[in-house]
Amino acid sequence: MRRIRTGIIAATLLCVLTLSACHGGGGMVKMRFVNQADSARVMEFTVRDLSILDRVHMAIVQHPLKGQYVVRNADAIVEEGSLSQEPPGYVLKSKDGKQQRLEVQKTDSLKAEDGTIWNPQKPTSTAVNLRKW
């Protein structure tokens, strides 16, 4: 009787952990890429911030990372839609039905099917001023 109860508790805990990995609340993360030929064009990916358990679950189930993307030219939105991570890169599906593939390069840049290169935008560093108390 005690073994059965322990087994039921373990199975319940496993189910809760698995479901929380899929449906747990995580924040959103933005990744920015700048067009190599035209620095005014910026592509921004918005995806869910994955916990370790999320990553393990996605690796086991082989569920692709999904999110949204926006392409801006200066301040104007040129294109937007959904994205999914499919090795060796990403598949973008715009709201007007167009689909394009981006392949991740060794330099972490993205290369579109038409040859366009998108370089990752490095975060700007800010000087930290320390005060002596």
N, C-alpha and C. Protein backbone atom coordinates (compact mmCIF):
# COMPACT_ATOMS: atom_id res chain seq x y z
N MET A 1 0.82 -1.19 0.00
CA MET A 1 0.00 0.00 0.00
C MET A 1 0.87 1.26 0.00
N ARG A 2 1.93 1.23 0.79
CA ARG A 2 2.81 2.39 0.87
C ARG A 2 3.54 2.63 -0.45
N ARG A 3 3.93 1.55 -1.14
CA ARG A 3 4.61 1.68 -2.44
C ARG A 3 3.68 2.29 -3.48
N ILE A 4 2.43 1.91 -3.44
CA ILE A 4 1.47 2.44 -4.40
C ILE A 4 1.29 3.94 -4.17
N ARG A 5 1.16 4.35 -2.91
CA ARG A 5 1.00 5.76 -2.58
C ARG A 5 2.24 6.56 -3.02
N THR A 6 3.42 6.01 -2.77
CA THR A 6 4.66 6.68 -3.18
C THR A 6 4.72 6.79 -4.71
N GLY A 7 4.31 5.75 -5.39
CA GLY A 7 4.29 5.77 -6.86
C GLY A 7 3.33 6.81 -7.41
N ILE A 8 2.16 6.93 -6.78
CA ILE A 8 1.16 7.91 -7.22
C ILE A 8 1.68 9.33 -6.98
N ILE A 9 2.30 9.55 -5.83
CA ILE A 9 2.85 10.88 -5.54
C ILE A 9 3.96 11.23 -6.52
N ALA A 10 4.84 10.27 -6.82
CA ALA A 10 5.93 10.51 -7.76
C ALA A 10 5.39 10.80 -9.16
N ALA A 11 4.39 10.05 -9.60
CA ALA A 11 3.80 10.26 -10.93
C ALA A 11 3.11 11.62 -11.00
N THR A 12 2.41 12.01 -9.94
CA THR A 12 1.75 13.31 -9.90
C THR A 12 2.76 14.44 -9.96
N LEU A 13 3.84 14.31 -9.19
CA LEU A 13 4.89 15.33 -9.20
C LEU A 13 5.52 15.45 -10.58
N LEU A 14 5.76 14.33 -11.24
CA LEU A 14 6.34 14.33 -12.58
C LEU A 14 5.40 15.02 -13.57
N CYS A 15 4.10 14.74 -13.47
CA CYS A 15 3.13 15.39 -14.36
C CYS A 15 3.08 16.89 -14.14
N VAL A 16 3.09 17.31 -12.89
CA VAL A 16 3.05 18.75 -12.58
C VAL A 16 4.29 19.44 -13.13
N LEU A 17 5.47 18.83 -12.95
CA LEU A 17 6.70 19.43 -13.46
C LEU A 17 6.69 19.50 -14.99
N THR A 18 6.20 18.45 -15.63
CA THR A 18 6.15 18.43 -17.10
C THR A 18 5.20 19.50 -17.62
N LEU A 19 4.02 19.61 -17.03
CA LEU A 19 3.07 20.61 -17.48
C LEU A 19 3.53 22.02 -17.18
N SER A 20 4.22 22.21 -16.06
CA SER A 20 4.71 23.56 -15.75
C SER A 20 5.81 23.97 -16.73
N ALA A 21 6.52 23.01 -17.29
CA ALA A 21 7.54 23.33 -18.28
C ALA A 21 6.89 23.85 -19.56
N CYS A 22 5.78 23.25 -19.95
CA CYS A 22 5.08 23.69 -21.17
C CYS A 22 4.33 24.98 -20.96
N HIS A 23 3.65 25.08 -19.86
CA HIS A 23 2.71 26.17 -19.68
C HIS A 23 3.09 27.12 -18.55
N GLY A 24 4.29 26.97 -18.04
CA GLY A 24 4.72 27.84 -16.96
C GLY A 24 4.93 29.26 -17.43
N GLY A 25 4.79 30.18 -16.54
CA GLY A 25 4.92 31.57 -16.91
C GLY A 25 6.38 32.01 -16.87
N GLY A 26 6.89 32.39 -17.98
CA GLY A 26 8.23 32.94 -18.05
C GLY A 26 8.15 34.30 -18.71
N GLY A 27 9.15 35.09 -18.51
CA GLY A 27 9.17 36.39 -19.15
C GLY A 27 9.48 36.27 -20.63
N MET A 28 9.50 37.39 -21.30
CA MET A 28 9.81 37.42 -22.72
C MET A 28 11.21 38.00 -22.92
N VAL A 29 11.89 37.50 -23.94
CA VAL A 29 13.24 37.94 -24.27
C VAL A 29 13.22 38.48 -25.70
N LYS A 30 13.94 39.58 -25.92
CA LYS A 30 14.04 40.14 -27.27
C LYS A 30 15.47 39.99 -27.78
N MET A 31 15.57 39.55 -29.03
CA MET A 31 16.86 39.45 -29.71
C MET A 31 16.79 40.40 -30.90
N ARG A 32 17.83 41.20 -31.08
CA ARG A 32 17.85 42.17 -32.18
C ARG A 32 18.97 41.84 -33.15
N PHE A 33 18.64 42.02 -34.43
CA PHE A 33 19.61 41.81 -35.50
C PHE A 33 19.56 43.02 -36.42
N VAL A 34 20.73 43.48 -36.85
CA VAL A 34 20.84 44.65 -37.72
C VAL A 34 21.26 44.18 -39.11
N ASN A 35 20.60 44.72 -40.13
CA ASN A 35 20.93 44.38 -41.51
C ASN A 35 22.34 44.86 -41.81
N GLN A 36 23.16 43.98 -42.37
CA GLN A 36 24.56 44.30 -42.64
C GLN A 36 24.70 45.40 -43.69
N ALA A 37 23.82 45.42 -44.68
CA ALA A 37 23.91 46.40 -45.76
C ALA A 37 23.25 47.73 -45.41
N ASP A 38 22.26 47.70 -44.51
CA ASP A 38 21.51 48.91 -44.17
C ASP A 38 21.25 48.91 -42.67
N SER A 39 22.02 49.67 -41.92
CA SER A 39 21.92 49.64 -40.46
C SER A 39 20.61 50.24 -39.93
N ALA A 40 19.83 50.88 -40.79
CA ALA A 40 18.53 51.40 -40.35
C ALA A 40 17.49 50.29 -40.25
N ARG A 41 17.75 49.17 -40.92
CA ARG A 41 16.83 48.02 -40.87
C ARG A 41 17.21 47.12 -39.70
N VAL A 42 16.25 46.91 -38.81
CA VAL A 42 16.46 46.10 -37.61
C VAL A 42 15.38 45.03 -37.54
N MET A 43 15.79 43.80 -37.23
CA MET A 43 14.84 42.71 -37.04
C MET A 43 14.87 42.31 -35.57
N GLU A 44 13.69 42.21 -34.96
CA GLU A 44 13.61 41.91 -33.54
C GLU A 44 12.76 40.67 -33.33
N PHE A 45 13.33 39.67 -32.63
CA PHE A 45 12.61 38.46 -32.27
C PHE A 45 12.14 38.61 -30.83
N THR A 46 10.92 38.21 -30.54
CA THR A 46 10.41 38.17 -29.18
C THR A 46 9.99 36.73 -28.89
N VAL A 47 10.69 36.11 -27.95
CA VAL A 47 10.43 34.71 -27.59
C VAL A 47 10.34 34.60 -26.07
N ARG A 48 9.79 33.49 -25.62
CA ARG A 48 9.66 33.26 -24.19
C ARG A 48 11.01 32.93 -23.58
N ASP A 49 11.28 33.46 -22.41
CA ASP A 49 12.50 33.16 -21.68
C ASP A 49 12.34 31.76 -21.09
N LEU A 50 13.20 30.84 -21.49
CA LEU A 50 13.05 29.45 -21.10
C LEU A 50 13.84 29.12 -19.84
N SER A 51 13.20 28.42 -18.93
CA SER A 51 13.89 27.92 -17.75
C SER A 51 14.63 26.64 -18.14
N ILE A 52 15.41 26.12 -17.23
CA ILE A 52 16.13 24.87 -17.50
C ILE A 52 15.15 23.74 -17.76
N LEU A 53 14.09 23.69 -16.97
CA LEU A 53 13.09 22.65 -17.14
C LEU A 53 12.40 22.78 -18.50
N ASP A 54 12.13 24.01 -18.93
CA ASP A 54 11.56 24.24 -20.27
C ASP A 54 12.47 23.66 -21.35
N ARG A 55 13.76 23.93 -21.22
CA ARG A 55 14.72 23.46 -22.23
C ARG A 55 14.79 21.94 -22.28
N VAL A 56 14.78 21.31 -21.11
CA VAL A 56 14.81 19.84 -21.06
C VAL A 56 13.55 19.28 -21.71
N HIS A 57 12.41 19.86 -21.35
CA HIS A 57 11.15 19.38 -21.92
C HIS A 57 11.13 19.54 -23.44
N MET A 58 11.57 20.70 -23.94
CA MET A 58 11.58 20.94 -25.38
C MET A 58 12.54 20.00 -26.10
N ALA A 59 13.64 19.66 -25.44
CA ALA A 59 14.60 18.73 -26.06
C ALA A 59 14.01 17.33 -26.14
N ILE A 60 13.29 16.91 -25.11
CA ILE A 60 12.70 15.57 -25.11
C ILE A 60 11.55 15.48 -26.11
N VAL A 61 10.66 16.45 -26.09
CA VAL A 61 9.48 16.44 -26.95
C VAL A 61 9.81 16.93 -28.36
N GLN A 62 10.95 17.57 -28.53
CA GLN A 62 11.39 18.16 -29.79
C GLN A 62 10.39 19.19 -30.29
N HIS A 63 10.01 20.07 -29.39
CA HIS A 63 9.07 21.15 -29.69
C HIS A 63 9.88 22.39 -30.05
N PRO A 64 9.64 23.01 -31.22
CA PRO A 64 10.43 24.17 -31.61
C PRO A 64 10.08 25.41 -30.80
N LEU A 65 11.07 26.27 -30.64
CA LEU A 65 10.88 27.56 -30.00
C LEU A 65 10.03 28.43 -30.93
N LYS A 66 9.03 29.09 -30.38
CA LYS A 66 8.14 29.92 -31.20
C LYS A 66 8.07 31.32 -30.61
N GLY A 67 7.74 32.28 -31.46
CA GLY A 67 7.62 33.65 -31.01
C GLY A 67 7.13 34.55 -32.11
N GLN A 68 7.43 35.82 -31.98
CA GLN A 68 7.02 36.84 -32.94
C GLN A 68 8.26 37.57 -33.45
N TYR A 69 8.14 38.17 -34.63
CA TYR A 69 9.23 38.99 -35.16
C TYR A 69 8.67 40.25 -35.77
N VAL A 70 9.53 41.28 -35.78
CA VAL A 70 9.19 42.57 -36.39
C VAL A 70 10.42 43.06 -37.13
N VAL A 71 10.24 43.53 -38.36
CA VAL A 71 11.32 44.17 -39.11
C VAL A 71 10.98 45.65 -39.20
N ARG A 72 11.93 46.48 -38.78
CA ARG A 72 11.73 47.93 -38.79
C ARG A 72 12.75 48.57 -39.73
N ASN A 73 12.31 49.62 -40.39
CA ASN A 73 13.21 50.47 -41.17
C ASN A 73 13.11 51.83 -40.52
N ALA A 74 14.15 52.21 -39.80
CA ALA A 74 14.13 53.39 -38.93
C ALA A 74 13.07 53.14 -37.87
N ASP A 75 11.99 53.92 -37.84
CA ASP A 75 10.94 53.71 -36.84
C ASP A 75 9.69 53.05 -37.42
N ALA A 76 9.66 52.85 -38.72
CA ALA A 76 8.47 52.29 -39.37
C ALA A 76 8.55 50.76 -39.40
N ILE A 77 7.43 50.11 -39.09
CA ILE A 77 7.36 48.64 -39.16
C ILE A 77 7.15 48.25 -40.61
N VAL A 78 8.09 47.45 -41.14
CA VAL A 78 8.04 47.02 -42.53
C VAL A 78 7.34 45.68 -42.65
N GLU A 79 7.59 44.80 -41.69
CA GLU A 79 7.06 43.44 -41.75
C GLU A 79 6.95 42.90 -40.33
N GLU A 80 5.94 42.05 -40.09
CA GLU A 80 5.82 41.39 -38.81
C GLU A 80 5.11 40.06 -39.00
N GLY A 81 5.31 39.17 -38.03
CA GLY A 81 4.69 37.86 -38.13
C GLY A 81 5.18 36.94 -37.03
N SER A 82 5.08 35.64 -37.28
CA SER A 82 5.48 34.65 -36.29
C SER A 82 6.77 33.97 -36.72
N LEU A 83 7.46 33.39 -35.75
CA LEU A 83 8.70 32.67 -36.05
C LEU A 83 8.72 31.36 -35.30
N SER A 84 9.44 30.41 -35.85
CA SER A 84 9.69 29.15 -35.15
C SER A 84 11.13 28.75 -35.44
N GLN A 85 11.75 28.16 -34.43
CA GLN A 85 13.14 27.73 -34.57
C GLN A 85 13.14 26.33 -35.17
N GLU A 86 13.75 26.21 -36.34
CA GLU A 86 13.88 24.93 -37.01
C GLU A 86 15.31 24.82 -37.51
N PRO A 87 16.06 23.86 -36.95
CA PRO A 87 17.47 23.75 -37.34
C PRO A 87 17.64 23.71 -38.85
N PRO A 88 18.60 24.43 -39.37
CA PRO A 88 19.71 25.12 -38.72
C PRO A 88 19.45 26.59 -38.45
N GLY A 89 18.20 27.01 -38.29
CA GLY A 89 17.93 28.42 -38.06
C GLY A 89 16.49 28.67 -37.67
N TYR A 90 15.86 29.63 -38.35
CA TYR A 90 14.50 30.05 -38.03
C TYR A 90 13.67 30.11 -39.30
N VAL A 91 12.37 29.90 -39.14
CA VAL A 91 11.41 30.09 -40.23
C VAL A 91 10.50 31.23 -39.81
N LEU A 92 10.43 32.25 -40.67
CA LEU A 92 9.58 33.42 -40.41
C LEU A 92 8.36 33.36 -41.32
N LYS A 93 7.18 33.57 -40.74
CA LYS A 93 5.94 33.60 -41.51
C LYS A 93 5.29 34.95 -41.27
N SER A 94 5.27 35.78 -42.32
CA SER A 94 4.72 37.12 -42.18
C SER A 94 3.19 37.06 -42.15
N LYS A 95 2.59 38.14 -41.69
CA LYS A 95 1.14 38.21 -41.60
C LYS A 95 0.47 38.15 -42.96
N ASP A 96 1.19 38.54 -44.02
CA ASP A 96 0.60 38.47 -45.36
C ASP A 96 0.88 37.13 -46.05
N GLY A 97 1.40 36.15 -45.30
CA GLY A 97 1.54 34.79 -45.83
C GLY A 97 2.90 34.41 -46.39
N LYS A 98 3.83 35.35 -46.50
CA LYS A 98 5.15 35.02 -47.02
C LYS A 98 5.94 34.25 -45.97
N GLN A 99 6.76 33.33 -46.44
CA GLN A 99 7.59 32.53 -45.53
C GLN A 99 9.04 32.61 -46.00
N GLN A 100 9.95 32.75 -45.05
CA GLN A 100 11.38 32.77 -45.38
C GLN A 100 12.17 32.06 -44.30
N ARG A 101 13.30 31.50 -44.71
CA ARG A 101 14.19 30.81 -43.79
C ARG A 101 15.41 31.67 -43.52
N LEU A 102 15.86 31.64 -42.27
CA LEU A 102 17.10 32.29 -41.88
C LEU A 102 18.00 31.22 -41.28
N GLU A 103 19.22 31.17 -41.76
CA GLU A 103 20.17 30.17 -41.27
C GLU A 103 21.19 30.83 -40.34
N VAL A 104 21.42 30.22 -39.18
CA VAL A 104 22.38 30.75 -38.22
C VAL A 104 23.78 30.44 -38.71
N GLN A 105 24.63 31.46 -38.78
CA GLN A 105 26.01 31.32 -39.21
C GLN A 105 26.93 31.10 -38.00
N LYS A 106 28.18 30.76 -38.24
CA LYS A 106 29.13 30.53 -37.14
C LYS A 106 29.39 31.79 -36.32
N THR A 107 29.17 32.95 -36.93
CA THR A 107 29.39 34.23 -36.24
C THR A 107 28.15 34.68 -35.47
N ASP A 108 27.14 33.83 -35.37
CA ASP A 108 25.84 34.12 -34.74
C ASP A 108 24.99 35.07 -35.56
N SER A 109 25.42 35.40 -36.75
CA SER A 109 24.58 36.21 -37.63
C SER A 109 23.58 35.29 -38.32
N LEU A 110 22.56 35.89 -38.93
CA LEU A 110 21.54 35.14 -39.65
C LEU A 110 21.66 35.46 -41.13
N LYS A 111 21.55 34.42 -41.95
CA LYS A 111 21.61 34.61 -43.40
C LYS A 111 20.28 34.19 -44.00
N ALA A 112 19.63 35.14 -44.69
CA ALA A 112 18.34 34.87 -45.32
C ALA A 112 18.56 34.13 -46.64
N GLU A 113 17.49 33.57 -47.17
CA GLU A 113 17.56 32.83 -48.43
C GLU A 113 18.03 33.70 -49.58
N ASP A 114 17.72 35.01 -49.52
CA ASP A 114 18.13 35.92 -50.59
C ASP A 114 19.56 36.43 -50.41
N GLY A 115 20.27 35.96 -49.37
CA GLY A 115 21.65 36.34 -49.14
C GLY A 115 21.84 37.48 -48.16
N THR A 116 20.74 38.07 -47.69
CA THR A 116 20.83 39.16 -46.72
C THR A 116 21.41 38.65 -45.41
N ILE A 117 22.36 39.40 -44.86
CA ILE A 117 22.98 39.05 -43.58
C ILE A 117 22.44 39.97 -42.49
N TRP A 118 22.03 39.36 -41.38
CA TRP A 118 21.56 40.09 -40.20
C TRP A 118 22.52 39.80 -39.07
N ASN A 119 23.21 40.83 -38.60
CA ASN A 119 24.18 40.67 -37.51
C ASN A 119 23.51 40.91 -36.16
N PRO A 120 23.88 40.12 -35.15
CA PRO A 120 23.29 40.35 -33.82
C PRO A 120 23.71 41.70 -33.28
N GLN A 121 22.78 42.41 -32.69
CA GLN A 121 23.09 43.71 -32.11
C GLN A 121 23.62 43.46 -30.71
N LYS A 122 24.83 43.87 -30.50
CA LYS A 122 25.46 43.69 -29.20
C LYS A 122 24.88 44.71 -28.23
N PRO A 123 24.63 44.29 -27.01
CA PRO A 123 24.14 45.28 -26.04
C PRO A 123 25.19 46.35 -25.79
N THR A 124 24.71 47.54 -25.63
CA THR A 124 25.65 48.63 -25.38
C THR A 124 26.13 48.54 -23.94
N SER A 125 27.39 48.82 -23.75
CA SER A 125 27.91 48.79 -22.38
C SER A 125 27.79 50.18 -21.78
N THR A 126 27.45 50.21 -20.55
CA THR A 126 27.34 51.49 -19.86
C THR A 126 28.35 51.53 -18.74
N ALA A 127 28.89 52.68 -18.53
CA ALA A 127 29.88 52.84 -17.46
C ALA A 127 29.18 52.78 -16.12
N VAL A 128 29.80 52.11 -15.19
CA VAL A 128 29.25 52.01 -13.85
C VAL A 128 30.06 52.90 -12.94
N ASN A 129 29.38 53.77 -12.24
CA ASN A 129 30.05 54.65 -11.29
C ASN A 129 29.83 54.12 -9.88
N LEU A 130 30.90 53.78 -9.22
CA LEU A 130 30.82 53.29 -7.85
C LEU A 130 31.13 54.41 -6.89
N ARG A 131 30.32 54.49 -5.87
CA ARG A 131 30.56 55.51 -4.86
C ARG A 131 31.08 54.84 -3.59
N LYS A 132 31.97 55.52 -2.97
CA LYS A 132 32.50 55.02 -1.71
C LYS A 132 31.60 55.53 -0.61
N TRP A 133 31.12 54.65 0.23
CA TRP A 133 30.21 55.03 1.31
C TRP A 133 30.96 55.35 2.56
